């Protein structure tokens, strides 16, 4: 009897050990499985997989055989939307990275936009411009609680053009010496050069398109204090620039056009005009657990067909002081 009980205990122990080994072989931590197979950032992209099952192992094995750009694309898909059998099938079918990117861009273009007031196409105002606020939607995945240090982005300003002085021709010794007449030196700054930048950290964006033959300065000020500039940026003729990081508020947009920028006086010295947009720009941001909606405005400083916004000339005294 005792011999039978002892034999039974040995059999049960063997079964328990065998079951444990089988269980351990079926699951493995994603960090251990991907170690030395991918760059270190992939451990962060794939961290949501945790203990891998057979489908997830198959996904990683196939991913390892792809070029690095495609590896990064599929790893980011797991980071954004989580692992799914549909993603595994897409990887098996060998859908190209460019096709997946086109699908993603198509979905992005189908998002709704905010409609602005419309006017008949034949009624184009003398100073009409296109002013289109566009709500932008970001899909945010559910992120694990991982503290990632914020890496600062260093932006190097463009080197401004240095005006070349005009040297007057000296008269001959036999001629009467006369004083040379003063010559206005030609000056300009690079597009995107900020003269004033007092706001940042928001989500709003403002794209300014300058289709004029003159250079421009775009100035953003609070509707409550329009004479105090918060943003002032230089935009060359036939060029455009997007101001990012605008916080939620109501703003007024001014602009000045001209030639021969004087960096000391902070103004153009020839063909100078000053104006502001009649409509105020309201930037709004709304957030949910997975989505951030914010406003993007696009304005043109030149008349366009169907332009909905109007501008009003202002005097230099009523223009925000850039000094």
Protein backbone atom coordinates (compact mmCIF):
# COMPACT_ATOMS: atom_id res chain seq x y z
CA UNK A 1 0.00 0.00 0.00
CA UNK A 2 2.75 2.46 1.01
CA UNK A 3 4.65 1.57 -2.14
CA UNK A 4 1.63 2.45 -4.35
CA UNK A 5 1.13 5.83 -2.60
CA UNK A 6 4.82 6.66 -3.04
CA UNK A 7 4.66 5.77 -6.75
CA UNK A 8 1.54 7.93 -7.16
CA UNK A 9 3.28 10.95 -5.55
CA UNK A 10 6.24 10.57 -7.92
CA UNK A 11 3.93 10.53 -10.96
CA UNK A 12 2.02 13.64 -9.73
CA UNK A 13 5.33 15.51 -9.15
CA UNK A 14 6.55 14.69 -12.64
CA UNK A 15 3.27 15.93 -14.16
CA UNK A 16 3.48 19.23 -12.22
CA UNK A 17 7.08 19.85 -13.33
CA UNK A 18 6.22 18.94 -16.94
CA UNK A 19 3.20 21.31 -16.94
CA UNK A 20 5.32 24.13 -15.54
CA UNK A 21 7.95 23.68 -18.23
CA UNK A 22 5.31 23.68 -20.96
CA UNK A 23 3.73 26.89 -19.58
CA UNK A 24 7.09 28.57 -19.29
CA UNK A 25 7.93 27.65 -22.89
CA UNK A 26 4.68 29.13 -24.24
CA UNK A 27 5.13 32.62 -22.77
CA UNK A 28 8.14 34.90 -22.71
CA UNK A 29 8.55 38.57 -21.85
CA UNK A 30 8.74 40.86 -24.90
CA UNK A 31 11.91 42.58 -23.65
CA UNK A 32 13.72 39.25 -23.39
CA UNK A 33 12.44 38.08 -26.78
CA UNK A 34 13.44 41.27 -28.64
CA UNK A 35 16.79 41.72 -26.91
CA UNK A 36 19.63 42.28 -29.42
CA UNK A 37 17.15 41.93 -32.33
CA UNK A 38 16.09 45.57 -32.74
CA UNK A 39 17.30 49.08 -31.75
CA UNK A 40 16.62 49.97 -28.10
CA UNK A 41 13.66 52.28 -28.95
CA UNK A 42 11.73 49.21 -30.18
CA UNK A 43 11.51 47.93 -26.58
CA UNK A 44 9.39 51.03 -25.87
CA UNK A 45 7.26 50.66 -29.03
CA UNK A 46 6.52 46.96 -28.28
CA UNK A 47 6.27 47.23 -24.46
CA UNK A 48 2.45 46.84 -24.53
CA UNK A 49 2.83 43.19 -25.68
CA UNK A 50 4.30 42.13 -22.27
CA UNK A 51 4.14 38.28 -22.18
CA UNK A 52 4.12 37.03 -25.77
CA UNK A 53 1.75 34.42 -27.15
CA UNK A 54 2.36 32.43 -30.34
CA UNK A 55 0.79 35.10 -32.62
CA UNK A 56 2.89 37.88 -31.12
CA UNK A 57 6.07 35.76 -31.42
CA UNK A 58 5.23 35.15 -35.08
CA UNK A 59 4.73 38.93 -35.55
CA UNK A 60 8.17 39.72 -34.04
CA UNK A 61 9.88 36.97 -36.05
CA UNK A 62 8.44 38.38 -39.30
CA UNK A 63 9.24 41.94 -38.21
CA UNK A 64 12.90 41.02 -37.70
CA UNK A 65 13.22 40.10 -41.40
CA UNK A 66 12.04 43.53 -42.66
CA UNK A 67 14.19 46.59 -43.52
CA UNK A 68 14.62 49.04 -40.63
CA UNK A 69 12.15 51.65 -41.97
CA UNK A 70 9.39 49.02 -42.25
CA UNK A 71 10.28 47.62 -38.83
CA UNK A 72 9.80 51.07 -37.34
CA UNK A 73 6.45 51.54 -39.12
CA UNK A 74 4.93 48.27 -37.79
CA UNK A 75 6.42 48.82 -34.30
CA UNK A 76 4.80 52.27 -34.15
CA UNK A 77 1.48 50.72 -35.24
CA UNK A 78 1.66 48.46 -32.16
CA UNK A 79 2.57 51.48 -30.02
CA UNK A 80 -0.34 53.56 -31.35
CA UNK A 81 -3.13 51.00 -31.81
CA UNK A 82 -1.94 47.84 -30.04
CA UNK A 83 -1.31 44.41 -31.54
CA UNK A 84 -4.07 42.74 -33.58
CA UNK A 85 -4.42 39.75 -35.88
CA UNK A 86 -5.29 42.19 -38.65
CA UNK A 87 -1.87 43.82 -38.25
CA UNK A 88 -0.24 40.35 -38.34
CA UNK A 89 -2.11 39.53 -41.57
CA UNK A 90 -1.00 42.84 -43.10
CA UNK A 91 2.59 41.94 -42.26
CA UNK A 92 2.18 38.43 -43.75
CA UNK A 93 0.73 39.83 -46.99
CA UNK A 94 3.82 42.00 -47.26
CA UNK A 95 1.90 45.25 -47.68
CA UNK A 96 4.48 47.90 -48.45
CA UNK A 97 5.35 50.72 -46.12
CA UNK A 98 4.33 53.31 -48.74
CA UNK A 99 0.86 51.75 -49.22
CA UNK A 100 0.24 51.78 -45.46
CA UNK A 101 1.36 55.42 -45.30
CA UNK A 102 -1.02 56.33 -48.15
CA UNK A 103 -3.89 54.63 -46.28
CA UNK A 104 -3.02 56.58 -43.14
CA UNK A 105 -2.86 59.88 -45.04
CA UNK A 106 -6.22 59.13 -46.68
CA UNK A 107 -7.83 58.63 -43.27
CA UNK A 108 -6.25 61.86 -42.06
CA UNK A 109 -7.64 63.86 -45.02
CA UNK A 110 -11.17 62.60 -44.32
CA UNK A 111 -11.33 64.37 -40.95
CA UNK A 112 -13.88 67.22 -40.68
CA UNK A 113 -12.97 70.90 -41.12
CA UNK A 114 -14.60 74.02 -39.69
CA UNK A 115 -16.48 75.96 -42.36
CA UNK A 116 -16.00 79.71 -42.54
CA UNK A 117 -18.55 82.18 -43.75
CA UNK A 118 -18.97 82.02 -47.52
CA UNK A 119 -19.42 84.75 -50.12
CA UNK A 120 -20.33 84.41 -53.82
CA UNK A 121 -17.24 83.71 -55.90
CA UNK A 122 -17.85 86.71 -58.14
CA UNK A 123 -17.74 89.15 -55.16
CA UNK A 124 -14.01 89.27 -54.40
CA UNK A 125 -13.11 92.18 -52.02
CA UNK A 126 -10.28 94.47 -53.02
CA UNK A 127 -8.11 93.13 -50.20
CA UNK A 128 -9.76 89.70 -49.95
CA UNK A 129 -7.71 86.88 -48.46
CA UNK A 130 -8.27 83.22 -47.75
CA UNK A 131 -8.85 82.73 -44.01
CA UNK A 132 -9.58 79.08 -43.24
CA UNK A 133 -9.62 77.68 -39.69
CA UNK A 134 -9.11 73.92 -39.81
CA UNK A 135 -9.62 71.72 -36.73
CA UNK A 136 -6.87 69.10 -36.53
CA UNK A 137 -7.43 65.76 -34.78
CA UNK A 138 -4.74 63.61 -33.23
CA UNK A 139 -5.45 59.99 -32.32
CA UNK A 140 -3.73 59.30 -28.98
CA UNK A 141 -3.17 55.67 -27.92
CA UNK A 142 -3.49 54.54 -24.35
CA UNK A 143 0.06 54.90 -23.12
CA UNK A 144 1.69 52.91 -20.30
CA UNK A 145 2.81 54.98 -17.35
CA UNK A 146 6.42 55.47 -18.43
CA UNK A 147 8.31 58.65 -17.63
CA UNK A 148 10.18 59.72 -20.76
CA UNK A 149 12.55 62.67 -20.43
CA UNK A 150 11.70 65.50 -22.78
CA UNK A 151 14.49 66.15 -25.29
CA UNK A 152 14.72 69.86 -26.14
CA UNK A 153 14.72 70.75 -29.84
CA UNK A 154 17.38 73.24 -30.76
CA UNK A 155 16.35 75.49 -33.63
CA UNK A 156 19.13 77.43 -35.31
CA UNK A 157 17.97 80.74 -36.82
CA UNK A 158 18.65 81.37 -40.45
CA UNK A 159 21.56 83.72 -41.11
CA UNK A 160 20.11 87.08 -42.22
CA UNK A 161 21.26 88.64 -45.43
CA UNK A 162 23.91 91.28 -44.86
CA UNK A 163 23.28 94.47 -46.85
CA UNK A 164 26.21 95.47 -49.07
CA UNK A 165 27.07 99.16 -48.68
CA UNK A 166 27.27 101.27 -51.81
CA UNK A 167 30.62 103.08 -52.02
CA UNK A 168 30.28 106.48 -53.74
CA UNK A 169 32.66 107.27 -56.60
CA UNK A 170 35.21 109.90 -55.56
CA UNK A 171 35.57 112.85 -57.94
CA UNK A 172 38.85 113.60 -59.73
CA UNK A 173 41.32 115.93 -58.01
CA UNK A 174 40.83 118.62 -60.64
CA UNK A 175 37.08 118.68 -60.15
CA UNK A 176 35.15 120.37 -57.41
CA UNK A 177 34.61 118.01 -54.49
CA UNK A 178 30.93 117.53 -53.62
CA UNK A 179 29.35 115.63 -50.76
CA UNK A 180 27.83 112.29 -51.90
CA UNK A 181 24.05 112.10 -51.54
CA UNK A 182 22.80 109.67 -48.86
CA UNK A 183 21.97 106.21 -50.26
CA UNK A 184 19.32 103.92 -48.77
CA UNK A 185 20.85 100.49 -48.23
CA UNK A 186 18.84 97.49 -49.29
CA UNK A 187 18.01 95.17 -46.34
CA UNK A 188 16.00 92.02 -45.82
CA UNK A 189 15.63 89.17 -43.31
CA UNK A 190 15.13 85.46 -43.87
CA UNK A 191 11.60 84.04 -43.82
CA UNK A 192 10.80 82.76 -40.33
CA UNK A 193 12.99 85.29 -38.47
CA UNK A 194 11.14 86.23 -35.27
CA UNK A 195 11.31 89.88 -34.21
CA UNK A 196 9.01 89.20 -31.23
CA UNK A 197 8.06 85.84 -29.70
CA UNK A 198 6.24 86.00 -26.36
CA UNK A 199 3.83 83.04 -26.63
CA UNK A 200 4.50 79.31 -27.02
CA UNK A 201 3.45 75.97 -25.57
CA UNK A 202 -0.01 75.83 -27.20
CA UNK A 203 -1.35 73.61 -29.99
CA UNK A 204 -2.68 76.27 -32.42
CA UNK A 205 -1.03 76.98 -35.78
CA UNK A 206 -1.20 79.99 -38.13
CA UNK A 207 0.10 79.72 -41.72
CA UNK A 208 0.77 83.07 -43.41
CA UNK A 209 1.20 83.10 -47.21
CA UNK A 210 2.77 86.23 -48.76
CA UNK A 211 2.03 86.28 -52.47
CA UNK A 212 2.91 89.97 -52.76
CA UNK A 213 5.92 91.50 -54.54
CA UNK A 214 6.95 93.08 -51.22
CA UNK A 215 8.32 91.54 -48.04
CA UNK A 216 6.02 91.39 -45.00
CA UNK A 217 5.98 91.28 -41.20
CA UNK A 218 3.07 89.32 -39.66
CA UNK A 219 2.16 90.50 -36.15
CA UNK A 220 -0.13 88.65 -33.71
CA UNK A 221 -1.48 90.55 -30.71
CA UNK A 222 -4.13 89.91 -28.09
CA UNK A 223 -7.54 91.37 -28.91
CA UNK A 224 -7.53 92.88 -25.42
CA UNK A 225 -4.22 94.70 -25.96
CA UNK A 226 -3.80 95.10 -29.74
CA UNK A 227 -0.87 97.57 -29.52
CA UNK A 228 1.35 94.99 -27.71
CA UNK A 229 2.88 92.45 -30.17
CA UNK A 230 3.04 88.83 -28.97
CA UNK A 231 4.45 87.36 -32.19
CA UNK A 232 6.19 89.22 -35.04
CA UNK A 233 7.74 87.18 -37.87
CA UNK A 234 9.44 88.14 -41.16
CA UNK A 235 8.09 86.63 -44.43
CA UNK A 236 9.81 87.35 -47.72
CA UNK A 237 7.93 88.05 -50.96
CA UNK A 238 6.39 84.94 -52.61
CA UNK A 239 7.03 82.86 -49.50
CA UNK A 240 5.08 81.47 -46.53
CA UNK A 241 5.65 80.53 -42.89
CA UNK A 242 3.72 78.62 -40.21
CA UNK A 243 3.70 79.89 -36.61
CA UNK A 244 3.24 77.00 -34.16
CA UNK A 245 2.59 76.67 -30.42
CA UNK A 246 -0.16 79.34 -30.22
CA UNK A 247 -2.14 79.17 -26.97
CA UNK A 248 -5.95 79.35 -26.79
CA UNK A 249 -7.16 82.97 -26.93
CA UNK A 250 -8.69 85.62 -29.20
CA UNK A 251 -6.08 87.36 -31.37
CA UNK A 252 -5.83 90.21 -33.92
CA UNK A 253 -3.53 89.78 -36.95
CA UNK A 254 -1.65 92.83 -38.28
CA UNK A 255 0.80 92.98 -41.19
CA UNK A 256 3.09 95.54 -42.79
CA UNK A 257 4.47 95.40 -46.35
CA UNK A 258 7.49 97.18 -47.84
CA UNK A 259 11.11 97.13 -48.96
CA UNK A 260 14.52 97.85 -47.37
CA UNK A 261 14.08 96.57 -43.82
CA UNK A 262 15.83 98.69 -41.17
CA UNK A 263 16.77 96.43 -38.24
CA UNK A 264 17.46 99.40 -35.95
CA UNK A 265 14.16 101.18 -36.58
CA UNK A 266 12.26 97.85 -36.89
CA UNK A 267 10.38 98.93 -40.02
CA UNK A 268 10.52 99.09 -43.83
CA UNK A 269 11.95 102.29 -45.29
CA UNK A 270 10.31 102.17 -48.76
CA UNK A 271 6.83 101.39 -50.13
CA UNK A 272 5.56 100.81 -46.58
CA UNK A 273 1.90 100.04 -45.82
CA UNK A 274 0.18 98.91 -42.60
CA UNK A 275 -3.06 96.92 -42.25
CA UNK A 276 -4.95 94.49 -40.03
CA UNK A 277 -7.56 91.77 -40.56
CA UNK A 278 -11.15 92.70 -39.68
CA UNK A 279 -11.93 89.20 -38.35
CA UNK A 280 -10.36 88.12 -35.10
CA UNK A 281 -8.66 84.72 -34.85
CA UNK A 282 -10.00 82.48 -32.09
CA UNK A 283 -7.85 79.47 -31.20
CA UNK A 284 -9.54 76.64 -29.27
CA UNK A 285 -8.23 73.30 -28.00
CA UNK A 286 -10.35 70.44 -26.68
CA UNK A 287 -9.00 67.23 -25.19
CA UNK A 288 -10.46 63.80 -24.44
CA UNK A 289 -8.81 60.63 -23.22
CA UNK A 290 -7.64 59.77 -26.74
CA UNK A 291 -8.10 62.87 -28.93
CA UNK A 292 -6.82 66.46 -29.03
CA UNK A 293 -8.69 68.87 -31.34
CA UNK A 294 -7.06 72.25 -32.08
CA UNK A 295 -7.36 75.07 -34.61
CA UNK A 296 -5.18 75.80 -37.64
CA UNK A 297 -5.68 79.10 -39.54
CA UNK A 298 -4.36 79.78 -43.07
CA UNK A 299 -4.27 83.41 -44.25
CA UNK A 300 -3.02 85.03 -47.44
CA UNK A 301 -1.73 88.59 -47.61
CA UNK A 302 -2.66 88.83 -51.30
CA UNK A 303 -6.18 88.85 -52.84
CA UNK A 304 -7.46 85.43 -53.90
CA UNK A 305 -10.61 84.26 -55.64
CA UNK A 306 -13.25 83.44 -53.03
CA UNK A 307 -11.33 85.16 -50.23
CA UNK A 308 -13.64 85.49 -47.22
CA UNK A 309 -11.65 87.80 -44.94
CA UNK A 310 -11.23 91.55 -45.26
CA UNK A 311 -8.36 93.82 -44.28
CA UNK A 312 -8.35 97.42 -43.11
CA UNK A 313 -5.49 99.93 -43.56
CA UNK A 314 -4.14 101.40 -40.31
CA UNK A 315 -1.70 104.18 -39.58
CA UNK A 316 1.83 103.57 -38.34
CA UNK A 317 0.78 105.03 -34.97
CA UNK A 318 -2.01 102.42 -34.63
CA UNK A 319 0.33 99.55 -35.59
CA UNK A 320 1.86 97.45 -32.77
CA UNK A 321 5.22 98.83 -31.66
CA UNK A 322 8.02 96.37 -32.55
CA UNK A 323 10.77 98.24 -30.65
